[in-house]
Amino acid sequence: MLDKRERILASAFAHFSTKGYQETTINDIASSLKMSKKTIYFQFKHKEELFIEVGRDKLEAIVNMSEKIISSNQCFIVKLINYLEMFHEHVRHISIHVLRDLCNDKSMLSKILSDHINSALLDRFSVLIQQGYTEKMIDDRVEPMVALVMYKEALCSFLFGKPADYPTIKLEKEFHVFLSKQLRSFFRGLLSRDGTTQFDELFDNLPHLTKTYG
């Protein structure tokens, strides 16, 4: 059973992800939970604080999952696929609305996202990259620092860049796959010939990924 705070965060995430920050009201969240707005305000001072905590909660889940992937005993290519699956799971419910809110609003959540990308997520990916070199799965012409910069740019362009000028046609149908397609292309671009072969073989055996991103 989720406690009251977790239930509020889960409901808020569903509303913010679907409608965005601007169009979501505390009343929407309270109604879906069958609780009073006063109960929500007892946990969170205002909607912005709730928005920030929803984002922080999601980021912590991604960072924790990244840590589990990195610290496992699996080979580099398996970990790379696990990274794709992790992002697939955590961003597939997020709509263009919330991304545009992040892109157009210099909120505290935007800063928190940027700080996480520059620290926790980048630090963990650098450990993964080193394993890839050790196992000779990364093309030796790719410099580690370049790989890290490209990874950062892939995440930042998804969160802070592309939503503002993405085409309006087919938006709801296609935008949620943008990051994973971009990351898949980026990951394959890092790999050696053997690494690419192993990556593609493993990826092709995961229907839930190939159906969406293949």
Protein backbone atom coordinates (compact mmCIF):
# COMPACT_ATOMS: atom_id res chain seq x y z
CA MET A 1 0.00 0.00 0.00
CA LEU A 2 1.27 3.43 -0.89
CA ASP A 3 1.28 6.01 1.86
CA LYS A 4 -0.59 9.30 1.41
CA ARG A 5 2.42 11.24 0.12
CA GLU A 6 3.32 8.53 -2.40
CA ARG A 7 -0.28 8.39 -3.63
CA ILE A 8 -0.29 12.15 -4.17
CA LEU A 9 3.03 12.01 -6.04
CA ALA A 10 1.81 9.14 -8.23
CA SER A 11 -1.42 10.94 -9.10
CA ALA A 12 0.40 14.23 -9.71
CA PHE A 13 2.87 12.51 -12.02
CA ALA A 14 -0.01 11.05 -14.04
CA HIS A 15 -1.69 14.45 -14.37
CA PHE A 16 1.48 16.46 -15.08
CA SER A 17 2.65 13.87 -17.60
CA THR A 18 -0.63 13.94 -19.48
CA LYS A 19 -1.67 17.59 -19.28
CA GLY A 20 1.49 19.44 -18.30
CA TYR A 21 2.12 21.72 -15.35
CA GLN A 22 0.08 24.71 -16.49
CA GLU A 23 -3.11 22.78 -17.25
CA THR A 24 -3.06 20.61 -14.12
CA THR A 25 -4.78 21.88 -10.99
CA ILE A 26 -4.58 20.72 -7.40
CA ASN A 27 -8.30 20.09 -7.66
CA ASP A 28 -7.67 17.60 -10.52
CA ILE A 29 -5.25 15.67 -8.33
CA ALA A 30 -7.47 15.81 -5.25
CA SER A 31 -10.52 14.63 -7.20
CA SER A 32 -8.71 11.65 -8.68
CA LEU A 33 -7.60 10.61 -5.18
CA LYS A 34 -10.98 11.34 -3.58
CA MET A 35 -9.31 13.54 -1.01
CA SER A 36 -9.59 17.22 -0.15
CA LYS A 37 -7.25 19.89 -1.49
CA LYS A 38 -6.47 20.70 2.13
CA THR A 39 -4.97 17.23 2.55
CA ILE A 40 -2.66 17.83 -0.42
CA TYR A 41 -1.67 21.29 0.80
CA PHE A 42 -0.78 19.74 4.15
CA GLN A 43 1.87 17.68 2.33
CA PHE A 44 2.91 20.28 -0.28
CA LYS A 45 2.76 24.07 0.11
CA HIS A 46 1.77 24.77 -3.50
CA LYS A 47 1.58 23.26 -6.97
CA GLU A 48 5.15 24.23 -7.88
CA GLU A 49 6.53 22.37 -4.87
CA LEU A 50 4.48 19.31 -5.86
CA PHE A 51 5.80 19.56 -9.44
CA ILE A 52 9.38 19.75 -8.17
CA GLU A 53 8.91 16.78 -5.84
CA VAL A 54 7.36 14.70 -8.63
CA GLY A 55 10.39 15.45 -10.82
CA ARG A 56 12.83 14.80 -7.99
CA ASP A 57 11.12 11.50 -7.20
CA LYS A 58 11.39 10.39 -10.82
CA LEU A 59 15.02 11.46 -11.07
CA GLU A 60 15.93 9.56 -7.92
CA ALA A 61 14.30 6.45 -9.37
CA ILE A 62 16.36 6.81 -12.58
CA VAL A 63 19.59 7.43 -10.65
CA ASN A 64 18.95 4.44 -8.37
CA MET A 65 18.21 2.21 -11.34
CA SER A 66 21.36 3.46 -13.10
CA GLU A 67 23.36 2.54 -10.01
CA LYS A 68 21.91 -0.98 -9.99
CA ILE A 69 22.72 -1.44 -13.67
CA ILE A 70 26.29 -0.17 -13.29
CA SER A 71 27.04 -2.26 -10.18
CA SER A 72 25.68 -5.52 -11.61
CA ASN A 73 27.99 -8.27 -12.88
CA GLN A 74 26.63 -8.15 -16.42
CA CYS A 75 28.66 -7.41 -19.52
CA PHE A 76 28.78 -3.94 -21.07
CA ILE A 77 26.36 -4.62 -23.94
CA VAL A 78 23.71 -6.04 -21.61
CA LYS A 79 24.06 -2.99 -19.37
CA LEU A 80 23.68 -0.72 -22.40
CA ILE A 81 20.42 -2.44 -23.34
CA ASN A 82 19.31 -2.18 -19.71
CA TYR A 83 19.91 1.57 -19.92
CA LEU A 84 17.60 1.76 -22.93
CA GLU A 85 14.94 -0.25 -21.11
CA MET A 86 15.25 2.00 -18.07
CA PHE A 87 14.68 5.19 -20.07
CA HIS A 88 11.90 3.50 -22.03
CA GLU A 89 10.10 2.70 -18.77
CA HIS A 90 10.57 6.12 -17.18
CA VAL A 91 9.84 8.47 -20.11
CA ARG A 92 7.19 6.61 -22.10
CA HIS A 93 4.33 8.14 -20.09
CA ILE A 94 5.59 11.72 -20.34
CA SER A 95 3.78 13.83 -22.91
CA ILE A 96 4.90 16.83 -24.93
CA HIS A 97 2.95 19.10 -22.55
CA VAL A 98 5.19 18.60 -19.54
CA LEU A 99 8.33 18.84 -21.68
CA ARG A 100 7.18 22.17 -23.08
CA ASP A 101 6.56 23.39 -19.55
CA LEU A 102 10.14 22.46 -18.65
CA CYS A 103 11.48 23.99 -21.83
CA ASN A 104 9.66 27.30 -21.50
CA ASP A 105 9.81 27.69 -17.75
CA LYS A 106 13.06 28.41 -15.89
CA SER A 107 11.70 26.66 -12.83
CA MET A 108 13.56 25.03 -9.99
CA LEU A 109 12.77 21.65 -11.54
CA SER A 110 14.65 22.64 -14.71
CA LYS A 111 17.71 23.38 -12.59
CA ILE A 112 17.35 20.12 -10.66
CA LEU A 113 17.14 18.17 -13.94
CA SER A 114 20.20 19.93 -15.32
CA ASP A 115 22.18 19.33 -12.11
CA HIS A 116 21.31 15.61 -12.14
CA ILE A 117 22.41 15.25 -15.76
CA ASN A 118 25.67 17.05 -15.03
CA SER A 119 26.45 15.02 -11.92
CA ALA A 120 24.75 11.75 -10.99
CA LEU A 121 23.69 10.54 -14.45
CA LEU A 122 26.94 11.60 -16.12
CA ASP A 123 29.08 10.05 -13.37
CA ARG A 124 27.35 6.70 -13.68
CA PHE A 125 27.50 6.68 -17.46
CA SER A 126 31.25 7.41 -17.33
CA VAL A 127 31.73 4.20 -15.30
CA LEU A 128 29.74 2.27 -17.90
CA ILE A 129 31.82 3.74 -20.72
CA GLN A 130 35.05 2.65 -19.05
CA GLN A 131 33.73 -0.92 -18.89
CA GLY A 132 32.97 -0.72 -22.60
CA TYR A 133 36.58 0.18 -23.38
CA THR A 134 37.88 -2.57 -21.10
CA GLU A 135 35.75 -5.17 -22.90
CA LYS A 136 36.72 -3.69 -26.30
CA MET A 137 33.08 -3.13 -27.19
CA ILE A 138 33.57 0.58 -27.93
CA ASP A 139 35.29 1.78 -31.10
CA ASP A 140 38.80 2.84 -30.03
CA ARG A 141 38.50 5.96 -32.20
CA VAL A 142 35.82 7.32 -29.84
CA GLU A 143 37.32 9.40 -27.04
CA PRO A 144 35.73 8.91 -23.58
CA MET A 145 35.14 12.62 -23.04
CA VAL A 146 33.42 12.93 -26.42
CA ALA A 147 31.14 10.03 -25.51
CA LEU A 148 30.16 11.74 -22.26
CA VAL A 149 29.49 15.08 -23.95
CA MET A 150 27.33 13.37 -26.58
CA TYR A 151 25.37 11.52 -23.88
CA LYS A 152 24.73 14.77 -22.05
CA GLU A 153 23.61 16.46 -25.27
CA ALA A 154 21.26 13.58 -26.08
CA LEU A 155 19.49 13.98 -22.73
CA CYS A 156 19.48 17.78 -22.75
CA SER A 157 18.15 18.07 -26.29
CA PHE A 158 15.24 15.81 -25.33
CA LEU A 159 14.40 17.63 -22.10
CA PHE A 160 15.23 21.23 -22.93
CA GLY A 161 15.59 21.64 -26.68
CA LYS A 162 13.47 19.65 -29.09
CA PRO A 163 10.03 20.07 -27.48
CA ALA A 164 9.89 23.78 -28.29
CA ASP A 165 10.09 23.33 -32.05
CA TYR A 166 8.96 19.76 -32.59
CA PRO A 167 6.32 19.49 -35.36
CA THR A 168 2.73 19.61 -34.13
CA ILE A 169 1.62 16.87 -36.53
CA LYS A 170 1.64 13.34 -35.05
CA LEU A 171 2.96 14.80 -31.82
CA GLU A 172 1.18 12.59 -29.31
CA LYS A 173 1.88 9.46 -31.32
CA GLU A 174 5.58 9.94 -31.94
CA PHE A 175 7.26 12.23 -29.45
CA HIS A 176 7.45 9.79 -26.55
CA VAL A 177 9.83 7.57 -28.56
CA PHE A 178 12.23 10.40 -29.44
CA LEU A 179 14.70 9.96 -26.58
CA SER A 180 15.00 6.18 -26.82
CA LYS A 181 15.48 6.30 -30.61
CA GLN A 182 18.12 8.97 -30.15
CA LEU A 183 19.87 7.04 -27.39
CA ARG A 184 19.79 3.79 -29.38
CA SER A 185 21.41 5.53 -32.36
CA PHE A 186 23.97 7.16 -30.06
CA PHE A 187 24.84 3.89 -28.29
CA ARG A 188 25.32 2.04 -31.60
CA GLY A 189 27.52 4.87 -32.85
CA LEU A 190 29.94 4.28 -29.98
CA LEU A 191 30.40 0.60 -30.55
CA SER A 192 33.04 -1.47 -32.28
CA ARG A 193 32.00 -3.94 -34.98
CA ASP A 194 31.68 -6.78 -32.44
CA GLY A 195 29.86 -4.48 -30.04
CA THR A 196 27.34 -3.44 -32.70
CA THR A 197 26.66 -7.06 -33.65
CA GLN A 198 26.05 -8.08 -30.03
CA PHE A 199 23.94 -4.99 -29.36
CA ASP A 200 21.69 -5.59 -32.38
CA GLU A 201 21.25 -9.29 -31.60
CA LEU A 202 20.21 -8.56 -28.04
CA PHE A 203 17.98 -5.64 -29.02
CA ASP A 204 16.21 -7.66 -31.71
CA ASN A 205 15.23 -10.27 -29.10
CA LEU A 206 13.31 -7.71 -27.00
CA PRO A 207 9.86 -7.30 -28.63
CA HIS A 208 8.76 -4.50 -26.29
CA LEU A 209 11.69 -2.40 -27.56
CA THR A 210 11.73 -3.41 -31.23
CA LYS A 211 7.98 -2.77 -31.50
CA THR A 212 8.47 0.84 -30.43
CA TYR A 213 11.99 1.74 -31.50
CA GLY A 214 12.94 -0.76 -34.17
